[in-house]
Amino acid sequence: MISIKNLRLKYPNAEKKIFDNLNLTINNNEKVLLLGPSGSGKSTLLNVLSGIVPNLVDLPMKYDELTIKSDCGVIFQDPDTQFCMPKVYEELAFVLENLQVPRNDMDSRIESALAAVGLDVNKDQYINQLSGGMKQKLAIAETILQETDTLFLDEPTAMLDSESTEDLWKMIKQVWDKKTVIIVEHKVNHVWQHIDRVILFNYDGEIIADETPQVILRDFEKLLSEYGVWHPNAWEYAPSALNNPTQSNNDLGTLYFKDITIKRAKKNLLQIPELAISSGEWITITGQNGAGKTTLLESIMQLIKYSGTFAINNETIRKIKQAAKHMFLVYQNPESQFITNSVYEEIFIQYKNQSKASLNAKQATDAMLEMLQLQAVQNQHPFELSVGQKRRLSVAIALSSSSKFLLLDEPTFGLDSHNTFNLIKLFQARIQSGQTIIMVTHDSELISRYATRKFNVENQFLIEEKSDINV
């Protein structure tokens, strides 16, 4: 049993407590889903119940009673935070070493775990060379090897494609019969009918409902949507698609691809014989994890070598400085692009560089903070934010720029529905102003509802969905 009584917890720079007098009991072998608005403390609570706080992360925290399991497996929202070794096999062997597994038994168990999550790598594969989705598969393989009786899953499939998400939840459900499982997840359709309880939190980290999934959806659907909590009917509340999304009076140029070949370890990773992307388009790119989607965005920004030609209008782009004049890349890991010491400054400097009137920049910054619900954390350091807040901030920085082309790598992963829908409205406004969005995403609803053109990475080619012809 897992139990906590009268939990009080506060981040050092926060204005208020995350939890105040929180009480919770989870029985053995229960499957529990934690739901609540972004910033309500779901991931923090997982860290407390798993012992990470305060044993590994020291936070000001008090409680009257705390009963947790010392033997548990944790899958973090950001898989990079749980790796200790440079190579995949070394990482998994490290887990087995701590379990005192004989050396002769290690290889077979490692290969079984990798096969279970569909991660095909060799023994010399470095972790830092994996895509975000492949890293998430590795994190789940680690948890399988631990063979614990308690699992804490914090967005375990956030960076996985649709097929991998479905396969992994099938695999997790096959092994969880005699396990206690506590889940924070946005893709709830895969687990909604298979869990015992849904615990619903409000903005203040208070439990306002603890019921079966059926009762939660019946009695709290409207509140779930107000909170931005994903539920089986959430997309019914999404913004409507634009009638003529590509019609704009402001032509900001065309991005042209010719004879592009991107390699990985001397092998062709992705090829684009010819492609033109016009002003005001919303392009989505999807495909299996590791297919080269992120690498394509980085190549467009001139961060990775390639052969062939990228051009904007008649200007061939060869240097990072050239690309930066026209394009802005939002990384899969938001922390890669933060450069200031506060949320406010990250956005303000973008507007300030566009206008000599600091008052206008301030007004624009305040409006962006309000739109993406970042006012309460505007004075915090970006690294202190939750994963969802970091993601919103990284996209806000891009939207605050004057770039013609916005390159977005999984911009909605880890976001609640409220903030996802707000971002969609902002994206639509940019499209109507003539800006172009090129987005890597696994979100099938977003792709089907809003993309003006849809591409898949298949067999090392970028293929447009409306035809069977390589483009």
Protein backbone atom coordinates (compact mmCIF):
# COMPACT_ATOMS: atom_id res chain seq x y z
CA MET A 1 0.00 0.00 0.00
CA ILE A 2 1.09 3.56 -0.72
CA SER A 3 -0.14 6.23 1.66
CA ILE A 4 0.49 9.86 2.48
CA LYS A 5 -1.17 12.04 5.11
CA ASN A 6 -1.16 15.83 5.36
CA LEU A 7 1.50 16.46 2.71
CA ARG A 8 2.75 20.05 2.47
CA LEU A 9 5.23 20.89 -0.29
CA LYS A 10 6.50 24.07 -1.93
CA TYR A 11 9.17 24.87 -4.49
CA PRO A 12 11.72 27.38 -3.12
CA ASN A 13 10.89 30.23 -5.55
CA ALA A 14 7.16 29.55 -5.90
CA GLU A 15 4.60 31.97 -4.52
CA LYS A 16 2.37 29.24 -3.07
CA LYS A 17 2.46 25.62 -2.00
CA ILE A 18 1.99 22.88 -4.56
CA PHE A 19 0.27 20.70 -1.96
CA ASP A 20 -1.27 21.70 1.35
CA ASN A 21 -2.78 18.98 3.55
CA LEU A 22 -2.90 16.37 0.76
CA ASN A 23 -4.10 12.90 1.76
CA LEU A 24 -3.96 9.88 -0.51
CA THR A 25 -4.04 6.08 -0.25
CA ILE A 26 -3.42 3.63 -3.11
CA ASN A 27 -3.97 -0.07 -2.50
CA ASN A 28 -1.76 -2.86 -3.77
CA ASN A 29 -2.27 -3.79 -7.43
CA GLU A 30 -4.48 -0.78 -8.16
CA LYS A 31 -4.16 1.02 -11.49
CA VAL A 32 -4.54 4.75 -10.86
CA LEU A 33 -4.55 7.67 -13.30
CA LEU A 34 -3.70 11.15 -11.99
CA LEU A 35 -5.47 13.93 -13.90
CA GLY A 36 -5.39 17.67 -13.43
CA PRO A 37 -4.47 20.96 -15.11
CA SER A 38 -0.89 21.73 -16.03
CA GLY A 39 1.07 22.77 -12.94
CA SER A 40 -1.27 21.03 -10.49
CA GLY A 41 1.58 18.88 -9.17
CA LYS A 42 0.95 15.47 -10.79
CA SER A 43 4.58 14.80 -11.72
CA THR A 44 5.77 16.18 -8.39
CA LEU A 45 3.42 13.81 -6.56
CA LEU A 46 4.84 10.87 -8.53
CA ASN A 47 8.31 11.93 -7.40
CA VAL A 48 7.17 12.01 -3.76
CA LEU A 49 5.41 8.64 -3.90
CA SER A 50 8.40 7.02 -5.62
CA GLY A 51 10.84 8.46 -3.06
CA ILE A 52 12.71 10.68 -5.53
CA VAL A 53 11.58 13.64 -3.42
CA PRO A 54 13.20 14.20 -0.97
CA ASN A 55 15.74 11.34 -1.22
CA LEU A 56 17.26 12.50 -4.52
CA VAL A 57 15.67 15.93 -5.02
CA ASP A 58 15.59 18.03 -1.88
CA LEU A 59 12.40 20.09 -1.68
CA PRO A 60 10.83 21.81 1.35
CA MET A 61 8.30 19.18 2.35
CA LYS A 62 6.41 18.07 5.47
CA TYR A 63 3.94 15.29 6.17
CA ASP A 64 2.38 13.41 9.07
CA GLU A 65 2.77 9.98 7.51
CA LEU A 66 4.38 8.61 4.35
CA THR A 67 4.30 4.96 3.28
CA ILE A 68 5.99 4.21 -0.04
CA LYS A 69 7.58 1.25 -1.83
CA SER A 70 11.36 1.14 -1.83
CA ASP A 71 11.32 -1.22 -4.84
CA CYS A 72 9.69 0.63 -7.74
CA GLY A 73 10.23 1.49 -11.38
CA VAL A 74 9.90 5.05 -12.68
CA ILE A 75 9.56 6.26 -16.26
CA PHE A 76 10.14 10.01 -16.42
CA GLN A 77 8.52 12.53 -18.74
CA ASP A 78 12.01 13.42 -20.01
CA PRO A 79 13.90 10.13 -20.52
CA ASP A 80 17.33 11.83 -20.55
CA THR A 81 16.99 12.47 -16.82
CA GLN A 82 17.25 8.77 -15.94
CA PHE A 83 20.21 7.58 -17.98
CA CYS A 84 23.59 7.02 -16.29
CA MET A 85 25.75 5.37 -18.96
CA PRO A 86 26.82 6.48 -22.48
CA LYS A 87 25.70 3.38 -24.42
CA VAL A 88 22.40 1.52 -24.59
CA TYR A 89 23.76 -1.90 -23.59
CA GLU A 90 25.86 -0.38 -20.80
CA GLU A 91 22.78 1.41 -19.46
CA LEU A 92 20.71 -1.77 -19.35
CA ALA A 93 23.63 -3.80 -17.97
CA PHE A 94 23.94 -1.24 -15.18
CA VAL A 95 20.35 -2.01 -14.16
CA LEU A 96 21.08 -5.75 -14.09
CA GLU A 97 24.32 -5.26 -12.16
CA ASN A 98 22.37 -3.54 -9.39
CA LEU A 99 20.05 -6.55 -9.34
CA GLN A 100 23.11 -8.86 -9.10
CA VAL A 101 22.21 -10.71 -12.29
CA PRO A 102 25.06 -13.03 -13.44
CA ARG A 103 27.05 -11.69 -16.39
CA ASN A 104 26.24 -14.71 -18.56
CA ASP A 105 22.51 -13.98 -18.24
CA MET A 106 22.69 -10.30 -19.09
CA ASP A 107 22.76 -10.31 -22.89
CA SER A 108 19.67 -12.47 -23.29
CA ARG A 109 17.68 -10.38 -20.81
CA ILE A 110 18.78 -7.12 -22.43
CA GLU A 111 17.84 -8.37 -25.89
CA SER A 112 14.43 -9.53 -24.61
CA ALA A 113 13.72 -6.12 -23.06
CA LEU A 114 14.76 -4.28 -26.23
CA ALA A 115 12.60 -6.58 -28.34
CA ALA A 116 9.63 -6.00 -26.03
CA VAL A 117 9.73 -2.23 -26.70
CA GLY A 118 10.71 -2.52 -30.36
CA LEU A 119 14.12 -0.83 -30.02
CA ASP A 120 16.54 -2.25 -32.60
CA VAL A 121 20.08 -1.10 -31.79
CA ASN A 122 23.53 -2.66 -31.74
CA LYS A 123 25.80 -3.05 -28.73
CA ASP A 124 27.85 0.03 -29.61
CA GLN A 125 24.87 2.39 -29.91
CA TYR A 126 25.31 5.63 -27.95
CA ILE A 127 22.23 6.94 -26.15
CA ASN A 128 22.84 10.54 -27.22
CA GLN A 129 22.47 9.44 -30.85
CA LEU A 130 18.93 8.16 -30.31
CA SER A 131 15.80 10.11 -31.18
CA GLY A 132 13.50 11.27 -28.39
CA GLY A 133 11.10 8.41 -29.02
CA MET A 134 13.89 5.82 -29.04
CA LYS A 135 15.13 7.18 -25.70
CA GLN A 136 11.64 6.76 -24.28
CA LYS A 137 11.60 3.14 -25.43
CA LEU A 138 14.96 2.63 -23.71
CA ALA A 139 13.58 4.07 -20.47
CA ILE A 140 10.67 1.61 -20.61
CA ALA A 141 13.09 -1.28 -21.33
CA GLU A 142 14.97 -0.34 -18.15
CA THR A 143 11.78 -0.55 -16.14
CA ILE A 144 10.95 -3.97 -17.62
CA LEU A 145 14.34 -5.28 -16.50
CA GLN A 146 13.78 -4.13 -12.93
CA GLU A 147 10.78 -6.47 -12.52
CA THR A 148 9.34 -4.31 -9.74
CA ASP A 149 5.86 -4.63 -8.25
CA THR A 150 5.20 -0.86 -8.44
CA LEU A 151 5.36 1.34 -11.54
CA PHE A 152 5.27 5.13 -11.76
CA LEU A 153 4.64 6.26 -15.33
CA ASP A 154 5.02 9.97 -16.12
CA GLU A 155 3.89 10.48 -19.75
CA PRO A 156 5.57 7.21 -20.81
CA THR A 157 4.54 7.52 -24.47
CA ALA A 158 4.67 11.29 -24.94
CA MET A 159 7.37 11.15 -27.64
CA LEU A 160 6.27 7.95 -29.39
CA ASP A 161 4.50 7.60 -32.72
CA SER A 162 0.94 6.22 -32.79
CA GLU A 163 1.93 2.64 -33.58
CA SER A 164 4.62 2.54 -30.88
CA THR A 165 2.23 4.11 -28.36
CA GLU A 166 -0.39 1.43 -28.96
CA ASP A 167 2.19 -1.38 -28.88
CA LEU A 168 3.81 -0.16 -25.67
CA TRP A 169 0.54 0.21 -23.79
CA LYS A 170 -0.37 -3.33 -24.86
CA MET A 171 2.97 -4.50 -23.51
CA ILE A 172 2.62 -2.57 -20.24
CA LYS A 173 -0.90 -3.94 -19.70
CA GLN A 174 0.40 -7.48 -20.24
CA VAL A 175 2.86 -7.18 -17.35
CA TRP A 176 0.90 -5.06 -14.86
CA ASP A 177 -1.58 -7.67 -13.49
CA LYS A 178 0.09 -8.02 -10.10
CA LYS A 179 1.59 -4.56 -9.97
CA THR A 180 0.57 -1.23 -8.50
CA VAL A 181 0.61 1.29 -11.35
CA ILE A 182 0.31 5.08 -10.96
CA ILE A 183 0.08 6.98 -14.22
CA VAL A 184 0.28 10.56 -15.44
CA GLU A 185 -0.67 10.47 -19.12
CA HIS A 186 -2.21 12.65 -21.81
CA LYS A 187 -2.99 9.87 -24.31
CA VAL A 188 -5.70 8.51 -22.05
CA ASN A 189 -7.63 6.60 -24.71
CA HIS A 190 -5.18 3.72 -24.41
CA VAL A 191 -5.75 3.26 -20.67
CA TRP A 192 -9.13 4.78 -19.85
CA GLN A 193 -11.02 1.48 -19.87
CA HIS A 194 -8.28 -0.43 -18.06
CA ILE A 195 -7.69 1.57 -14.87
CA ASP A 196 -9.42 1.31 -11.51
CA ARG A 197 -9.42 4.93 -10.36
CA VAL A 198 -9.03 8.45 -11.67
CA ILE A 199 -7.84 11.03 -9.15
CA LEU A 200 -8.65 14.56 -10.32
CA PHE A 201 -6.72 17.60 -9.04
CA ASN A 202 -7.58 21.28 -9.33
CA TYR A 203 -5.18 24.16 -10.00
CA ASP A 204 -4.24 24.32 -6.31
CA GLY A 205 -3.14 20.68 -6.11
CA GLU A 206 -6.27 19.64 -4.22
CA ILE A 207 -8.08 16.35 -4.90
CA ILE A 208 -11.61 17.20 -6.02
CA ALA A 209 -12.67 13.76 -7.29
CA ASP A 210 -11.57 10.15 -6.82
CA GLU A 211 -13.81 7.83 -8.86
CA THR A 212 -13.90 5.23 -11.61
CA PRO A 213 -13.16 6.47 -15.15
CA GLN A 214 -16.82 6.04 -16.06
CA VAL A 215 -18.03 8.27 -13.21
CA ILE A 216 -15.34 10.89 -13.87
CA LEU A 217 -16.33 11.21 -17.52
CA ARG A 218 -20.05 11.22 -16.72
CA ASP A 219 -19.94 13.80 -13.92
CA PHE A 220 -16.86 15.92 -14.67
CA GLU A 221 -16.47 16.13 -18.46
CA LYS A 222 -17.15 19.87 -18.58
CA LEU A 223 -14.74 20.55 -15.72
CA LEU A 224 -12.08 18.35 -17.35
CA SER A 225 -12.33 20.47 -20.48
CA GLU A 226 -12.18 23.72 -18.47
CA TYR A 227 -9.02 22.44 -16.79
CA GLY A 228 -7.54 21.40 -20.12
CA VAL A 229 -7.38 17.78 -19.01
CA TRP A 230 -7.30 15.26 -21.83
CA HIS A 231 -10.22 12.84 -21.83
CA PRO A 232 -11.85 10.62 -24.48
CA ASN A 233 -14.07 13.48 -25.75
CA ALA A 234 -11.52 16.31 -25.46
CA TRP A 235 -11.09 17.01 -29.19
CA GLU A 236 -14.78 17.90 -29.46
CA TYR A 237 -13.79 21.19 -27.76
CA ALA A 238 -10.93 21.97 -30.20
CA PRO A 239 -10.82 25.06 -32.45
CA SER A 240 -12.43 24.72 -35.86
CA ALA A 241 -10.17 24.38 -38.88
CA LEU A 242 -9.67 27.45 -41.07
CA ASN A 243 -11.78 27.53 -44.25
CA ASN A 244 -8.99 28.81 -46.51
CA PRO A 245 -5.81 28.44 -44.43
CA THR A 246 -3.35 29.03 -47.29
CA GLN A 247 -4.95 32.25 -48.54
CA SER A 248 -2.90 35.17 -47.22
CA ASN A 249 -2.23 38.66 -48.50
CA ASN A 250 1.28 38.52 -47.07
CA ASP A 251 3.67 36.36 -49.13
CA LEU A 252 6.77 35.79 -47.02
CA GLY A 253 8.54 33.50 -49.48
CA THR A 254 8.98 29.89 -50.52
CA LEU A 255 11.27 27.26 -49.00
CA TYR A 256 12.73 25.09 -51.76
CA PHE A 257 14.38 21.65 -51.47
CA LYS A 258 16.40 20.11 -54.32
CA ASP A 259 18.29 16.77 -54.32
CA ILE A 260 18.53 16.66 -50.53
CA THR A 261 20.27 13.65 -48.97
CA ILE A 262 20.81 13.45 -45.22
CA LYS A 263 23.09 10.71 -43.95
CA ARG A 264 23.59 8.99 -40.60
CA ALA A 265 26.79 6.99 -40.10
CA LYS A 266 27.50 7.12 -43.87
CA LYS A 267 24.08 5.62 -44.66
CA ASN A 268 21.23 7.49 -46.28
CA LEU A 269 18.74 8.55 -43.61
CA LEU A 270 16.37 10.76 -45.60
CA GLN A 271 16.08 11.90 -49.21
CA ILE A 272 14.00 14.70 -50.78
CA PRO A 273 14.40 14.89 -54.57
CA GLU A 274 12.36 18.10 -54.88
CA LEU A 275 9.87 20.01 -52.73
CA ALA A 276 8.52 23.56 -52.47
CA ILE A 277 6.77 24.88 -49.34
CA SER A 278 4.90 28.14 -49.85
CA SER A 279 4.05 31.00 -47.54
CA GLY A 280 1.12 30.39 -45.20
CA GLU A 281 1.25 26.58 -45.22
CA TRP A 282 0.91 24.32 -42.18
CA ILE A 283 3.11 21.32 -42.93
CA THR A 284 3.10 18.25 -40.67
CA ILE A 285 5.77 15.56 -40.76
CA THR A 286 5.28 12.22 -39.05
CA GLY A 287 6.91 8.79 -39.19
CA GLN A 288 8.44 6.13 -37.00
CA ASN A 289 10.80 7.07 -34.18
CA GLY A 290 14.36 7.36 -35.46
CA ALA A 291 13.30 7.90 -39.10
CA GLY A 292 15.01 11.29 -39.29
CA LYS A 293 12.26 13.85 -38.67
CA THR A 294 14.19 15.90 -36.11
CA THR A 295 17.36 15.57 -38.19
CA LEU A 296 15.50 17.09 -41.14
CA LEU A 297 14.57 20.20 -39.13
CA GLU A 298 18.15 20.55 -37.91
CA SER A 299 19.43 20.20 -41.48
CA ILE A 300 17.11 22.97 -42.68
CA MET A 301 18.61 25.16 -39.94
CA GLN A 302 22.12 24.21 -41.22
CA LEU A 303 22.98 22.44 -37.97
CA ILE A 304 23.63 19.06 -39.62
CA LYS A 305 25.54 18.32 -42.84
CA TYR A 306 23.68 17.22 -45.96
CA SER A 307 24.02 17.24 -49.72
CA GLY A 308 21.72 19.17 -52.02
CA THR A 309 20.13 22.61 -51.85
CA PHE A 310 17.89 24.45 -49.38
CA ALA A 311 16.81 27.85 -50.68
CA ILE A 312 14.41 30.61 -49.69
CA ASN A 313 13.18 32.30 -52.87
CA ASN A 314 16.42 32.62 -54.87
CA GLU A 315 18.79 32.62 -51.89
CA THR A 316 20.62 29.35 -51.26
CA ILE A 317 20.93 28.72 -47.51
CA ARG A 318 24.29 27.33 -46.42
CA LYS A 319 25.10 28.91 -43.07
CA ILE A 320 23.35 28.96 -39.69
CA LYS A 321 23.38 32.76 -39.71
CA GLN A 322 21.52 32.81 -43.04
CA ALA A 323 18.91 30.31 -41.81
CA ALA A 324 18.37 32.24 -38.58
CA LYS A 325 17.31 35.33 -40.55
CA HIS A 326 14.32 33.47 -41.95
CA MET A 327 13.61 30.53 -39.61
CA PHE A 328 13.18 29.67 -35.95
CA LEU A 329 13.56 26.12 -34.62
CA VAL A 330 11.79 24.92 -31.48
CA TYR A 331 13.70 21.91 -30.18
CA GLN A 332 12.20 18.69 -28.88
CA ASN A 333 14.02 19.45 -25.63
CA PRO A 334 12.95 23.01 -24.69
CA GLU A 335 15.94 23.58 -22.40
CA SER A 336 18.21 23.62 -25.46
CA GLN A 337 17.06 27.12 -26.39
CA PHE A 338 16.69 29.05 -23.10
CA ILE A 339 19.23 31.87 -22.75
CA THR A 340 17.97 34.17 -19.96
CA ASN A 341 17.25 33.85 -16.24
CA SER A 342 13.49 34.38 -16.33
CA VAL A 343 10.42 33.31 -18.29
CA TYR A 344 9.50 36.94 -18.92
CA GLU A 345 12.88 37.87 -20.39
CA GLU A 346 12.88 34.87 -22.76
CA ILE A 347 9.80 36.28 -24.52
CA PHE A 348 10.47 39.99 -24.01
CA ILE A 349 13.83 40.00 -25.81
CA GLN A 350 12.16 38.60 -28.95
CA TYR A 351 9.65 41.45 -29.09
CA LYS A 352 12.22 44.05 -28.03
CA ASN A 353 14.48 43.13 -30.96
CA GLN A 354 11.60 43.77 -33.37
CA SER A 355 10.48 47.13 -32.00
CA LYS A 356 12.14 50.23 -30.64
CA ALA A 357 9.14 50.87 -28.43
CA SER A 358 9.73 48.87 -25.27
CA LEU A 359 6.15 49.58 -24.15
CA ASN A 360 4.80 47.67 -27.15
CA ALA A 361 7.21 44.85 -26.43
CA LYS A 362 6.01 44.74 -22.83
CA GLN A 363 2.37 44.65 -23.88
CA ALA A 364 3.03 41.88 -26.39
CA THR A 365 4.98 39.89 -23.79
CA ASP A 366 2.19 40.22 -21.23
CA ALA A 367 -0.36 39.07 -23.81
CA MET A 368 1.70 36.01 -24.74
CA LEU A 369 2.21 35.09 -21.08
CA GLU A 370 -1.53 35.31 -20.50
CA MET A 371 -2.43 33.33 -23.61
CA LEU A 372 -0.16 30.43 -22.63
CA GLN A 373 -0.87 30.63 -18.88
CA LEU A 374 2.68 31.54 -17.88
CA GLN A 375 1.94 34.69 -15.85
CA ALA A 376 2.29 32.90 -12.50
CA VAL A 377 5.81 31.71 -13.36
CA GLN A 378 7.04 34.74 -15.32
CA ASN A 379 9.74 35.55 -12.74
CA GLN A 380 11.01 31.98 -12.40
CA HIS A 381 14.08 30.61 -14.15
CA PRO A 382 13.05 28.57 -17.21
CA PHE A 383 14.80 25.46 -15.85
CA GLU A 384 12.52 25.52 -12.77
CA LEU A 385 9.36 25.02 -14.83
CA SER A 386 7.42 21.80 -15.33
CA VAL A 387 7.94 19.98 -18.64
CA GLY A 388 4.63 21.30 -19.97
CA GLN A 389 5.48 24.86 -18.96
CA LYS A 390 8.91 24.60 -20.60
CA ARG A 391 7.27 23.40 -23.77
CA ARG A 392 4.81 26.32 -23.77
CA LEU A 393 7.64 28.77 -23.16
CA SER A 394 9.76 27.36 -26.01
CA VAL A 395 6.85 27.71 -28.45
CA ALA A 396 6.02 31.19 -27.09
CA ILE A 397 9.59 32.28 -27.88
CA ALA A 398 9.19 31.12 -31.48
CA LEU A 399 5.79 32.77 -31.85
CA SER A 400 7.28 35.99 -30.47
CA SER A 401 9.87 36.06 -33.24
CA SER A 402 9.36 37.58 -36.70
CA SER A 403 10.63 34.50 -38.55
CA LYS A 404 9.03 33.56 -41.87
CA PHE A 405 9.26 29.84 -41.17
CA LEU A 406 8.63 28.21 -37.78
CA LEU A 407 10.16 24.74 -37.42
CA LEU A 408 8.47 22.98 -34.51
CA ASP A 409 9.61 19.62 -33.13
CA GLU A 410 6.73 18.00 -31.18
CA PRO A 411 5.42 21.39 -29.96
CA THR A 412 2.35 19.96 -28.20
CA PHE A 413 3.90 16.96 -26.44
CA GLY A 414 3.28 17.09 -22.69
CA LEU A 415 0.66 19.86 -22.99
CA ASP A 416 -2.87 19.79 -21.64
CA SER A 417 -5.78 20.29 -24.03
CA HIS A 418 -6.37 23.91 -23.00
CA ASN A 419 -2.83 24.96 -23.88
CA THR A 420 -2.78 22.74 -26.97
CA PHE A 421 -5.91 24.45 -28.28
CA ASN A 422 -4.51 27.89 -27.44
CA LEU A 423 -1.37 27.05 -29.42
CA ILE A 424 -3.50 25.89 -32.35
CA LYS A 425 -5.25 29.29 -32.36
CA LEU A 426 -1.86 31.04 -32.33
CA PHE A 427 -0.61 28.81 -35.14
CA GLN A 428 -3.72 29.59 -37.18
CA ALA A 429 -3.14 33.33 -36.69
CA ARG A 430 0.44 32.94 -37.92
CA ILE A 431 -0.71 30.98 -40.97
CA GLN A 432 -3.23 33.71 -41.82
CA SER A 433 -0.47 36.33 -41.53
CA GLY A 434 1.62 34.46 -44.12
CA GLN A 435 4.06 32.66 -41.82
CA THR A 436 4.75 29.00 -42.55
CA ILE A 437 4.73 26.23 -39.96
CA ILE A 438 6.70 23.02 -40.48
CA MET A 439 5.82 20.72 -37.61
CA VAL A 440 7.08 17.30 -36.59
CA THR A 441 4.27 15.64 -34.65
CA HIS A 442 2.74 12.26 -33.81
CA ASP A 443 -0.63 13.77 -32.92
CA SER A 444 -3.05 12.22 -35.42
CA GLU A 445 -5.91 14.56 -34.45
CA LEU A 446 -3.81 17.66 -34.99
CA ILE A 447 -2.57 16.34 -38.34
CA SER A 448 -6.01 15.38 -39.66
CA ARG A 449 -7.74 18.59 -38.52
CA TYR A 450 -5.30 21.41 -39.29
CA ALA A 451 -2.45 20.50 -41.66
CA THR A 452 -2.62 21.97 -45.16
CA ARG A 453 -0.17 19.30 -46.34
CA LYS A 454 0.77 16.06 -44.61
CA PHE A 455 4.07 14.19 -45.02
CA ASN A 456 5.33 10.84 -43.75
CA VAL A 457 8.92 9.65 -43.56
CA GLU A 458 8.83 6.21 -45.17
CA ASN A 459 11.68 4.07 -46.52
CA GLN A 460 14.12 6.99 -46.32
CA PHE A 461 11.90 9.35 -48.33
CA LEU A 462 9.60 12.22 -47.43
CA ILE A 463 6.25 11.21 -48.91
CA GLU A 464 3.18 13.42 -49.18
CA GLU A 465 0.05 11.70 -47.87
CA LYS A 466 -2.24 12.70 -50.72
CA SER A 467 -0.23 10.66 -53.26
CA ASP A 468 2.06 7.65 -53.50
CA ILE A 469 4.75 9.66 -55.23
CA ASN A 470 8.01 10.55 -53.50
CA VAL A 471 8.45 14.29 -53.26
